[in-house]
Structure formats: structure tokens, C-alpha cells
Amino acid sequence: MQLKKELELVIEKIIIKFCKKNELYFEFWVKDDVTSVACFSFDEYYSLSDICFDLFSNQPKFRISLWQQECIDNSNFDVNYESYCMGKNIDKKTKTTF
């Protein structure tokens, strides 16, 4: 159980930095699993993987929120966050990803 507690403490630090960077408020972990998906203010949901990528690759403030909003606004938009940050986006004319 010690290893689990250590993991939770490290993830808590990551969440605190992520919230400060993106001006979000942490609400809860889906299924109380700190290695899965977290819910933040305004019903934004991000995986731990996307949260870590956002922080560790120094993405601009709010980029992850913009990506999520584009996913919501465009049902055909199926670009993951890392690819989005590398420049993949939706072709507005055909509504397909490239």
C-alpha cells in the first residue's frame, strides 16, 4: 500500500500544477481511480496521460481546453491531444481529420 500512496501523492502534485496552469478546479477522479480520467471545473474531463503530456511538453495555457472544445463542436473530430498539439486539426471544408 505504500507504493500506492506514493503514486497518489505524485499525481496530486501533477493535478495541482495542471489546475494552476489552466485555471481549472479539480473535482474528482472517475471511478475514484487516480490513473484514469479526472473531472475539472465546467465539466472538463481529461485522462492522466493527456494531463501529463500537457504539463511535460509545456503546452500553452488553455490549449487542452481548446482541443476539448473542438472535439465537442465537431463530431467528426477524432484527433487525440498529442496529435492536436503537433498540428493535426480539422479541415473545415470537409469536416474530416488529416
PDB file of N, CA and C in Angstrom:
ATOM      1  N   MET A   1       0.806  -1.206   0.000  1.00  0.00           N
ATOM      2  CA  MET A   1       0.000   0.000   0.000  1.00  0.00           C
ATOM      3  C   MET A   1       0.847   1.268   0.000  1.00  0.00           C
ATOM      4  N   GLN A   2       2.099   1.158   0.430  1.00  0.00           N
ATOM      5  CA  GLN A   2       2.985   2.317   0.448  1.00  0.00           C
ATOM      6  C   GLN A   2       3.230   2.848  -0.959  1.00  0.00           C
ATOM      7  N   LEU A   3       3.434   1.959  -1.900  1.00  0.00           N
ATOM      8  CA  LEU A   3       3.673   2.372  -3.284  1.00  0.00           C
ATOM      9  C   LEU A   3       2.459   3.109  -3.851  1.00  0.00           C
ATOM     10  N   LYS A   4       1.270   2.617  -3.543  1.00  0.00           N
ATOM     11  CA  LYS A   4       0.033   3.275  -3.997  1.00  0.00           C
ATOM     12  C   LYS A   4      -0.061   4.687  -3.429  1.00  0.00           C
ATOM     13  N   LYS A   5       0.259   4.847  -2.170  1.00  0.00           N
ATOM     14  CA  LYS A   5       0.209   6.160  -1.524  1.00  0.00           C
ATOM     15  C   LYS A   5       1.211   7.113  -2.173  1.00  0.00           C
ATOM     16  N   GLU A   6       2.398   6.617  -2.483  1.00  0.00           N
ATOM     17  CA  GLU A   6       3.409   7.442  -3.149  1.00  0.00           C
ATOM     18  C   GLU A   6       2.925   7.888  -4.525  1.00  0.00           C
ATOM     19  N   LEU A   7       2.314   6.981  -5.261  1.00  0.00           N
ATOM     20  CA  LEU A   7       1.761   7.314  -6.575  1.00  0.00           C
ATOM     21  C   LEU A   7       0.701   8.400  -6.446  1.00  0.00           C
ATOM     22  N   GLU A   8      -0.196   8.244  -5.508  1.00  0.00           N
ATOM     23  CA  GLU A   8      -1.262   9.226  -5.300  1.00  0.00           C
ATOM     24  C   GLU A   8      -0.703  10.606  -4.959  1.00  0.00           C
ATOM     25  N   LEU A   9       0.370  10.660  -4.173  1.00  0.00           N
ATOM     26  CA  LEU A   9       0.980  11.941  -3.813  1.00  0.00           C
ATOM     27  C   LEU A   9       1.619  12.623  -5.024  1.00  0.00           C
ATOM     28  N   VAL A  10       2.283  11.847  -5.865  1.00  0.00           N
ATOM     29  CA  VAL A  10       2.887  12.407  -7.070  1.00  0.00           C
ATOM     30  C   VAL A  10       1.800  12.907  -8.023  1.00  0.00           C
ATOM     31  N   ILE A  11       0.767  12.125  -8.214  1.00  0.00           N
ATOM     32  CA  ILE A  11      -0.328  12.535  -9.103  1.00  0.00           C
ATOM     33  C   ILE A  11      -1.031  13.772  -8.553  1.00  0.00           C
ATOM     34  N   GLU A  12      -1.169  13.862  -7.259  1.00  0.00           N
ATOM     35  CA  GLU A  12      -1.777  15.050  -6.653  1.00  0.00           C
ATOM     36  C   GLU A  12      -0.963  16.306  -7.005  1.00  0.00           C
ATOM     37  N   LYS A  13       0.350  16.211  -6.962  1.00  0.00           N
ATOM     38  CA  LYS A  13       1.210  17.343  -7.342  1.00  0.00           C
ATOM     39  C   LYS A  13       1.014  17.711  -8.804  1.00  0.00           C
ATOM     40  N   ILE A  14       0.892  16.701  -9.660  1.00  0.00           N
ATOM     41  CA  ILE A  14       0.665  16.941 -11.088  1.00  0.00           C
ATOM     42  C   ILE A  14      -0.664  17.663 -11.287  1.00  0.00           C
ATOM     43  N   ILE A  15      -1.697  17.220 -10.614  1.00  0.00           N
ATOM     44  CA  ILE A  15      -3.028  17.828 -10.745  1.00  0.00           C
ATOM     45  C   ILE A  15      -3.007  19.277 -10.261  1.00  0.00           C
ATOM     46  N   ILE A  16      -2.319  19.544  -9.173  1.00  0.00           N
ATOM     47  CA  ILE A  16      -2.236  20.912  -8.659  1.00  0.00           C
ATOM     48  C   ILE A  16      -1.577  21.825  -9.691  1.00  0.00           C
ATOM     49  N   LYS A  17      -0.470  21.388 -10.288  1.00  0.00           N
ATOM     50  CA  LYS A  17       0.209  22.202 -11.310  1.00  0.00           C
ATOM     51  C   LYS A  17      -0.667  22.388 -12.545  1.00  0.00           C
ATOM     52  N   PHE A  18      -1.343  21.326 -12.956  1.00  0.00           N
ATOM     53  CA  PHE A  18      -2.226  21.384 -14.123  1.00  0.00           C
ATOM     54  C   PHE A  18      -3.367  22.383 -13.881  1.00  0.00           C
ATOM     55  N   CYS A  19      -3.952  22.337 -12.705  1.00  0.00           N
ATOM     56  CA  CYS A  19      -5.048  23.260 -12.372  1.00  0.00           C
ATOM     57  C   CYS A  19      -4.572  24.708 -12.376  1.00  0.00           C
ATOM     58  N   LYS A  20      -3.431  24.960 -11.777  1.00  0.00           N
ATOM     59  CA  LYS A  20      -2.893  26.325 -11.749  1.00  0.00           C
ATOM     60  C   LYS A  20      -2.612  26.815 -13.159  1.00  0.00           C
ATOM     61  N   LYS A  21      -1.986  25.972 -13.968  1.00  0.00           N
ATOM     62  CA  LYS A  21      -1.613  26.361 -15.327  1.00  0.00           C
ATOM     63  C   LYS A  21      -2.839  26.694 -16.168  1.00  0.00           C
ATOM     64  N   ASN A  22      -3.871  25.886 -16.082  1.00  0.00           N
ATOM     65  CA  ASN A  22      -5.044  26.031 -16.947  1.00  0.00           C
ATOM     66  C   ASN A  22      -6.244  26.672 -16.261  1.00  0.00           C
ATOM     67  N   GLU A  23      -6.019  27.194 -15.057  1.00  0.00           N
ATOM     68  CA  GLU A  23      -7.076  27.866 -14.293  1.00  0.00           C
ATOM     69  C   GLU A  23      -8.331  27.001 -14.162  1.00  0.00           C
ATOM     70  N   LEU A  24      -8.102  25.784 -13.718  1.00  0.00           N
ATOM     71  CA  LEU A  24      -9.189  24.823 -13.525  1.00  0.00           C
ATOM     72  C   LEU A  24      -9.285  24.450 -12.053  1.00  0.00           C
ATOM     73  N   TYR A  25     -10.413  23.876 -11.701  1.00  0.00           N
ATOM     74  CA  TYR A  25     -10.641  23.388 -10.352  1.00  0.00           C
ATOM     75  C   TYR A  25     -10.867  21.882 -10.431  1.00  0.00           C
ATOM     76  N   PHE A  26     -10.041  21.122  -9.709  1.00  0.00           N
ATOM     77  CA  PHE A  26     -10.199  19.671  -9.691  1.00  0.00           C
ATOM     78  C   PHE A  26     -11.457  19.292  -8.923  1.00  0.00           C
ATOM     79  N   GLU A  27     -12.252  18.373  -9.512  1.00  0.00           N
ATOM     80  CA  GLU A  27     -13.465  17.913  -8.835  1.00  0.00           C
ATOM     81  C   GLU A  27     -13.342  16.470  -8.342  1.00  0.00           C
ATOM     82  N   PHE A  28     -13.039  15.525  -9.247  1.00  0.00           N
ATOM     83  CA  PHE A  28     -12.964  14.129  -8.828  1.00  0.00           C
ATOM     84  C   PHE A  28     -12.317  13.272  -9.916  1.00  0.00           C
ATOM     85  N   TRP A  29     -11.924  12.074  -9.516  1.00  0.00           N
ATOM     86  CA  TRP A  29     -11.458  11.054 -10.462  1.00  0.00           C
ATOM     87  C   TRP A  29     -12.625  10.151 -10.811  1.00  0.00           C
ATOM     88  N   VAL A  30     -12.782   9.839 -12.066  1.00  0.00           N
ATOM     89  CA  VAL A  30     -13.820   8.905 -12.493  1.00  0.00           C
ATOM     90  C   VAL A  30     -13.508   7.552 -11.854  1.00  0.00           C
ATOM     91  N   LYS A  31     -14.499   6.961 -11.249  1.00  0.00           N
ATOM     92  CA  LYS A  31     -14.385   5.672 -10.547  1.00  0.00           C
ATOM     93  C   LYS A  31     -13.340   5.705  -9.436  1.00  0.00           C
ATOM     94  N   ASP A  32     -13.036   6.898  -8.924  1.00  0.00           N
ATOM     95  CA  ASP A  32     -12.025   7.059  -7.864  1.00  0.00           C
ATOM     96  C   ASP A  32     -10.676   6.445  -8.219  1.00  0.00           C
ATOM     97  N   ASP A  33     -10.357   6.413  -9.503  1.00  0.00           N
ATOM     98  CA  ASP A  33      -9.098   5.828  -9.982  1.00  0.00           C
ATOM     99  C   ASP A  33      -8.158   6.950 -10.409  1.00  0.00           C
ATOM    100  N   VAL A  34      -7.104   7.188  -9.638  1.00  0.00           N
ATOM    101  CA  VAL A  34      -6.191   8.305  -9.913  1.00  0.00           C
ATOM    102  C   VAL A  34      -5.324   8.099 -11.159  1.00  0.00           C
ATOM    103  N   THR A  35      -5.444   6.964 -11.789  1.00  0.00           N
ATOM    104  CA  THR A  35      -4.678   6.725 -13.021  1.00  0.00           C
ATOM    105  C   THR A  35      -5.563   6.781 -14.263  1.00  0.00           C
ATOM    106  N   SER A  36      -6.788   7.254 -14.099  1.00  0.00           N
ATOM    107  CA  SER A  36      -7.714   7.233 -15.234  1.00  0.00           C
ATOM    108  C   SER A  36      -8.055   8.638 -15.704  1.00  0.00           C
ATOM    109  N   VAL A  37      -9.299   9.051 -15.530  1.00  0.00           N
ATOM    110  CA  VAL A  37      -9.812  10.321 -16.045  1.00  0.00           C
ATOM    111  C   VAL A  37     -10.251  11.203 -14.878  1.00  0.00           C
ATOM    112  N   ALA A  38      -9.843  12.467 -14.952  1.00  0.00           N
ATOM    113  CA  ALA A  38     -10.194  13.431 -13.910  1.00  0.00           C
ATOM    114  C   ALA A  38     -11.219  14.419 -14.441  1.00  0.00           C
ATOM    115  N   CYS A  39     -12.092  14.849 -13.552  1.00  0.00           N
ATOM    116  CA  CYS A  39     -13.091  15.865 -13.881  1.00  0.00           C
ATOM    117  C   CYS A  39     -12.647  17.190 -13.259  1.00  0.00           C
ATOM    118  N   PHE A  40     -12.735  18.242 -14.082  1.00  0.00           N
ATOM    119  CA  PHE A  40     -12.368  19.576 -13.635  1.00  0.00           C
ATOM    120  C   PHE A  40     -13.551  20.517 -13.819  1.00  0.00           C
ATOM    121  N   SER A  41     -13.401  21.736 -13.321  1.00  0.00           N
ATOM    122  CA  SER A  41     -14.455  22.744 -13.406  1.00  0.00           C
ATOM    123  C   SER A  41     -15.061  22.823 -14.797  1.00  0.00           C
ATOM    124  N   PHE A  42     -16.307  23.194 -14.818  1.00  0.00           N
ATOM    125  CA  PHE A  42     -17.046  23.315 -16.073  1.00  0.00           C
ATOM    126  C   PHE A  42     -17.146  21.990 -16.816  1.00  0.00           C
ATOM    127  N   ASP A  43     -17.108  20.891 -16.094  1.00  0.00           N
ATOM    128  CA  ASP A  43     -17.283  19.554 -16.670  1.00  0.00           C
ATOM    129  C   ASP A  43     -16.268  19.218 -17.748  1.00  0.00           C
ATOM    130  N   GLU A  44     -15.021  19.571 -17.523  1.00  0.00           N
ATOM    131  CA  GLU A  44     -13.955  19.172 -18.433  1.00  0.00           C
ATOM    132  C   GLU A  44     -13.348  17.885 -17.898  1.00  0.00           C
ATOM    133  N   TYR A  45     -13.196  16.901 -18.773  1.00  0.00           N
ATOM    134  CA  TYR A  45     -12.658  15.598 -18.406  1.00  0.00           C
ATOM    135  C   TYR A  45     -11.395  15.335 -19.202  1.00  0.00           C
ATOM    136  N   TYR A  46     -10.312  14.982 -18.491  1.00  0.00           N
ATOM    137  CA  TYR A  46      -9.036  14.688 -19.151  1.00  0.00           C
ATOM    138  C   TYR A  46      -8.417  13.444 -18.544  1.00  0.00           C
ATOM    139  N   SER A  47      -7.780  12.664 -19.399  1.00  0.00           N
ATOM    140  CA  SER A  47      -7.066  11.485 -18.916  1.00  0.00           C
ATOM    141  C   SER A  47      -5.770  11.927 -18.249  1.00  0.00           C
ATOM    142  N   LEU A  48      -5.262  11.098 -17.361  1.00  0.00           N
ATOM    143  CA  LEU A  48      -3.986  11.397 -16.724  1.00  0.00           C
ATOM    144  C   LEU A  48      -2.895  11.513 -17.781  1.00  0.00           C
ATOM    145  N   SER A  49      -2.973  10.704 -18.803  1.00  0.00           N
ATOM    146  CA  SER A  49      -1.994  10.756 -19.883  1.00  0.00           C
ATOM    147  C   SER A  49      -1.992  12.127 -20.572  1.00  0.00           C
ATOM    148  N   ASP A  50      -3.175  12.656 -20.890  1.00  0.00           N
ATOM    149  CA  ASP A  50      -3.261  13.972 -21.533  1.00  0.00           C
ATOM    150  C   ASP A  50      -2.809  15.086 -20.584  1.00  0.00           C
ATOM    151  N   ILE A  51      -3.130  14.947 -19.319  1.00  0.00           N
ATOM    152  CA  ILE A  51      -2.706  15.931 -18.314  1.00  0.00           C
ATOM    153  C   ILE A  51      -1.182  15.975 -18.251  1.00  0.00           C
ATOM    154  N   CYS A  52      -0.557  14.800 -18.177  1.00  0.00           N
ATOM    155  CA  CYS A  52       0.903  14.732 -18.120  1.00  0.00           C
ATOM    156  C   CYS A  52       1.526  15.272 -19.404  1.00  0.00           C
ATOM    157  N   PHE A  53       0.973  14.913 -20.547  1.00  0.00           N
ATOM    158  CA  PHE A  53       1.505  15.430 -21.812  1.00  0.00           C
ATOM    159  C   PHE A  53       1.429  16.954 -21.830  1.00  0.00           C
ATOM    160  N   ASP A  54       0.306  17.503 -21.404  1.00  0.00           N
ATOM    161  CA  ASP A  54       0.118  18.950 -21.384  1.00  0.00           C
ATOM    162  C   ASP A  54       1.204  19.629 -20.548  1.00  0.00           C
ATOM    163  N   LEU A  55       1.466  19.090 -19.376  1.00  0.00           N
ATOM    164  CA  LEU A  55       2.465  19.681 -18.489  1.00  0.00           C
ATOM    165  C   LEU A  55       3.892  19.427 -18.950  1.00  0.00           C
ATOM    166  N   PHE A  56       4.203  18.186 -19.238  1.00  0.00           N
ATOM    167  CA  PHE A  56       5.591  17.806 -19.506  1.00  0.00           C
ATOM    168  C   PHE A  56       6.102  18.331 -20.838  1.00  0.00           C
ATOM    169  N   SER A  57       5.200  18.623 -21.762  1.00  0.00           N
ATOM    170  CA  SER A  57       5.624  19.171 -23.055  1.00  0.00           C
ATOM    171  C   SER A  57       5.406  20.687 -23.128  1.00  0.00           C
ATOM    172  N   ASN A  58       5.071  21.277 -21.977  1.00  0.00           N
ATOM    173  CA  ASN A  58       4.913  22.742 -21.874  1.00  0.00           C
ATOM    174  C   ASN A  58       3.961  23.322 -22.913  1.00  0.00           C
ATOM    175  N   GLN A  59       2.793  22.739 -23.027  1.00  0.00           N
ATOM    176  CA  GLN A  59       1.786  23.262 -23.952  1.00  0.00           C
ATOM    177  C   GLN A  59       1.306  24.624 -23.460  1.00  0.00           C
ATOM    178  N   PRO A  60       0.883  25.487 -24.372  1.00  0.00           N
ATOM    179  CA  PRO A  60       0.375  26.798 -23.961  1.00  0.00           C
ATOM    180  C   PRO A  60      -0.854  26.664 -23.057  1.00  0.00           C
ATOM    181  N   LYS A  61      -1.014  27.649 -22.218  1.00  0.00           N
ATOM    182  CA  LYS A  61      -2.162  27.716 -21.319  1.00  0.00           C
ATOM    183  C   LYS A  61      -3.454  27.581 -22.124  1.00  0.00           C
ATOM    184  N   PHE A  62      -4.357  26.779 -21.652  1.00  0.00           N
ATOM    185  CA  PHE A  62      -5.701  26.556 -22.214  1.00  0.00           C
ATOM    186  C   PHE A  62      -5.727  25.734 -23.506  1.00  0.00           C
ATOM    187  N   ARG A  63      -4.594  25.293 -24.033  1.00  0.00           N
ATOM    188  CA  ARG A  63      -4.619  24.512 -25.280  1.00  0.00           C
ATOM    189  C   ARG A  63      -5.462  23.257 -25.112  1.00  0.00           C
ATOM    190  N   ILE A  64      -5.354  22.595 -23.983  1.00  0.00           N
ATOM    191  CA  ILE A  64      -6.115  21.365 -23.778  1.00  0.00           C
ATOM    192  C   ILE A  64      -7.618  21.650 -23.771  1.00  0.00           C
ATOM    193  N   SER A  65      -8.018  22.794 -23.236  1.00  0.00           N
ATOM    194  CA  SER A  65      -9.439  23.171 -23.246  1.00  0.00           C
ATOM    195  C   SER A  65      -9.919  23.478 -24.658  1.00  0.00           C
ATOM    196  N   LEU A  66      -9.070  24.123 -25.446  1.00  0.00           N
ATOM    197  CA  LEU A  66      -9.422  24.407 -26.843  1.00  0.00           C
ATOM    198  C   LEU A  66      -9.583  23.116 -27.633  1.00  0.00           C
ATOM    199  N   TRP A  67      -8.685  22.162 -27.397  1.00  0.00           N
ATOM    200  CA  TRP A  67      -8.772  20.858 -28.058  1.00  0.00           C
ATOM    201  C   TRP A  67     -10.090  20.170 -27.691  1.00  0.00           C
ATOM    202  N   GLN A  68     -10.413  20.165 -26.419  1.00  0.00           N
ATOM    203  CA  GLN A  68     -11.657  19.508 -25.997  1.00  0.00           C
ATOM    204  C   GLN A  68     -12.870  20.192 -26.619  1.00  0.00           C
ATOM    205  N   GLN A  69     -12.860  21.518 -26.661  1.00  0.00           N
ATOM    206  CA  GLN A  69     -13.989  22.232 -27.247  1.00  0.00           C
ATOM    207  C   GLN A  69     -14.124  21.924 -28.728  1.00  0.00           C
ATOM    208  N   GLU A  70     -13.004  21.819 -29.435  1.00  0.00           N
ATOM    209  CA  GLU A  70     -13.062  21.468 -30.858  1.00  0.00           C
ATOM    210  C   GLU A  70     -13.635  20.056 -31.037  1.00  0.00           C
ATOM    211  N   CYS A  71     -13.290  19.161 -30.136  1.00  0.00           N
ATOM    212  CA  CYS A  71     -13.850  17.803 -30.182  1.00  0.00           C
ATOM    213  C   CYS A  71     -15.367  17.834 -29.979  1.00  0.00           C
ATOM    214  N   ILE A  72     -15.823  18.655 -29.068  1.00  0.00           N
ATOM    215  CA  ILE A  72     -17.256  18.771 -28.784  1.00  0.00           C
ATOM    216  C   ILE A  72     -17.992  19.417 -29.950  1.00  0.00           C
ATOM    217  N   ASP A  73     -17.404  20.464 -30.511  1.00  0.00           N
ATOM    218  CA  ASP A  73     -18.051  21.226 -31.588  1.00  0.00           C
ATOM    219  C   ASP A  73     -18.102  20.480 -32.914  1.00  0.00           C
ATOM    220  N   ASN A  74     -17.219  19.515 -33.118  1.00  0.00           N
ATOM    221  CA  ASN A  74     -17.117  18.808 -34.404  1.00  0.00           C
ATOM    222  C   ASN A  74     -17.181  17.304 -34.177  1.00  0.00           C
ATOM    223  N   SER A  75     -18.310  16.714 -34.447  1.00  0.00           N
ATOM    224  CA  SER A  75     -18.488  15.289 -34.173  1.00  0.00           C
ATOM    225  C   SER A  75     -17.524  14.411 -34.972  1.00  0.00           C
ATOM    226  N   ASN A  76     -17.004  14.897 -36.087  1.00  0.00           N
ATOM    227  CA  ASN A  76     -16.057  14.122 -36.900  1.00  0.00           C
ATOM    228  C   ASN A  76     -14.625  14.245 -36.380  1.00  0.00           C
ATOM    229  N   PHE A  77     -14.397  15.108 -35.438  1.00  0.00           N
ATOM    230  CA  PHE A  77     -13.045  15.411 -34.958  1.00  0.00           C
ATOM    231  C   PHE A  77     -12.580  14.317 -34.021  1.00  0.00           C
ATOM    232  N   ASP A  78     -11.627  13.515 -34.483  1.00  0.00           N
ATOM    233  CA  ASP A  78     -11.163  12.404 -33.656  1.00  0.00           C
ATOM    234  C   ASP A  78      -9.644  12.419 -33.489  1.00  0.00           C
ATOM    235  N   VAL A  79      -9.090  13.592 -33.341  1.00  0.00           N
ATOM    236  CA  VAL A  79      -7.653  13.759 -33.171  1.00  0.00           C
ATOM    237  C   VAL A  79      -7.335  13.744 -31.679  1.00  0.00           C
ATOM    238  N   ASN A  80      -6.385  12.896 -31.278  1.00  0.00           N
ATOM    239  CA  ASN A  80      -6.020  12.878 -29.865  1.00  0.00           C
ATOM    240  C   ASN A  80      -5.231  14.138 -29.510  1.00  0.00           C
ATOM    241  N   TYR A  81      -5.082  14.384 -28.225  1.00  0.00           N
ATOM    242  CA  TYR A  81      -4.489  15.644 -27.779  1.00  0.00           C
ATOM    243  C   TYR A  81      -3.044  15.821 -28.258  1.00  0.00           C
ATOM    244  N   GLU A  82      -2.255  14.783 -28.173  1.00  0.00           N
ATOM    245  CA  GLU A  82      -0.857  14.886 -28.603  1.00  0.00           C
ATOM    246  C   GLU A  82      -0.762  15.225 -30.087  1.00  0.00           C
ATOM    247  N   SER A  83      -1.565  14.578 -30.921  1.00  0.00           N
ATOM    248  CA  SER A  83      -1.569  14.876 -32.357  1.00  0.00           C
ATOM    249  C   SER A  83      -2.063  16.292 -32.619  1.00  0.00           C
ATOM    250  N   TYR A  84      -3.063  16.714 -31.880  1.00  0.00           N
ATOM    251  CA  TYR A  84      -3.587  18.081 -31.996  1.00  0.00           C
ATOM    252  C   TYR A  84      -2.469  19.093 -31.734  1.00  0.00           C
ATOM    253  N   CYS A  85      -1.679  18.829 -30.724  1.00  0.00           N
ATOM    254  CA  CYS A  85      -0.585  19.739 -30.374  1.00  0.00           C
ATOM    255  C   CYS A  85       0.527  19.731 -31.422  1.00  0.00           C
ATOM    256  N   MET A  86       0.606  18.672 -32.190  1.00  0.00           N
ATOM    257  CA  MET A  86       1.604  18.590 -33.262  1.00  0.00           C
ATOM    258  C   MET A  86       1.071  19.181 -34.566  1.00  0.00           C
ATOM    259  N   GLY A  87      -0.123  19.759 -34.524  1.00  0.00           N
ATOM    260  CA  GLY A  87      -0.638  20.465 -35.686  1.00  0.00           C
ATOM    261  C   GLY A  87      -1.762  19.793 -36.428  1.00  0.00           C
ATOM    262  N   LYS A  88      -2.162  18.605 -36.014  1.00  0.00           N
ATOM    263  CA  LYS A  88      -3.310  17.973 -36.659  1.00  0.00           C
ATOM    264  C   LYS A  88      -4.563  18.736 -36.261  1.00  0.00           C
ATOM    265  N   ASN A  89      -5.407  19.011 -37.235  1.00  0.00           N
ATOM    266  CA  ASN A  89      -6.661  19.689 -36.917  1.00  0.00           C
ATOM    267  C   ASN A  89      -7.709  19.329 -37.950  1.00  0.00           C
ATOM    268  N   ILE A  90      -8.856  19.915 -37.794  1.00  0.00           N
ATOM    269  CA  ILE A  90      -9.967  19.560 -38.668  1.00  0.00           C
ATOM    270  C   ILE A  90      -9.934  20.409 -39.929  1.00  0.00           C
ATOM    271  N   ASP A  91     -10.210  19.790 -41.046  1.00  0.00           N
ATOM    272  CA  ASP A  91     -10.350  20.503 -42.313  1.00  0.00           C
ATOM    273  C   ASP A  91     -11.767  21.058 -42.317  1.00  0.00           C
ATOM    274  N   LYS A  92     -11.896  22.359 -42.179  1.00  0.00           N
ATOM    275  CA  LYS A  92     -13.216  22.989 -42.017  1.00  0.00           C
ATOM    276  C   LYS A  92     -14.142  22.769 -43.229  1.00  0.00           C
ATOM    277  N   LYS A  93     -13.582  22.553 -44.423  1.00  0.00           N
ATOM    278  CA  LYS A  93     -14.428  22.381 -45.603  1.00  0.00           C
ATOM    279  C   LYS A  93     -15.086  21.005 -45.642  1.00  0.00           C
ATOM    280  N   THR A  94     -14.322  19.972 -45.344  1.00  0.00           N
ATOM    281  CA  THR A  94     -14.849  18.624 -45.479  1.00  0.00           C
ATOM    282  C   THR A  94     -15.219  17.988 -44.135  1.00  0.00           C
ATOM    283  N   LYS A  95     -14.838  18.655 -43.041  1.00  0.00           N
ATOM    284  CA  LYS A  95     -15.092  18.132 -41.702  1.00  0.00           C
ATOM    285  C   LYS A  95     -14.490  16.747 -41.519  1.00  0.00           C
ATOM    286  N   THR A  96     -13.298  16.554 -42.033  1.00  0.00           N
ATOM    287  CA  THR A  96     -12.570  15.320 -41.797  1.00  0.00           C
ATOM    288  C   THR A  96     -11.223  15.687 -41.189  1.00  0.00           C
ATOM    289  N   THR A  97     -10.600  14.727 -40.541  1.00  0.00           N
ATOM    290  CA  THR A  97      -9.296  14.976 -39.954  1.00  0.00           C
ATOM    291  C   THR A  97      -8.220  14.580 -40.935  1.00  0.00           C
ATOM    292  N   PHE A  98      -7.086  15.199 -40.762  1.00  0.00           N
ATOM    293  CA  PHE A  98      -5.931  14.844 -41.593  1.00  0.00           C
ATOM    294  C   PHE A  98      -4.685  14.825 -40.753  1.00  0.00           C
TER     295      PHE A  98
END
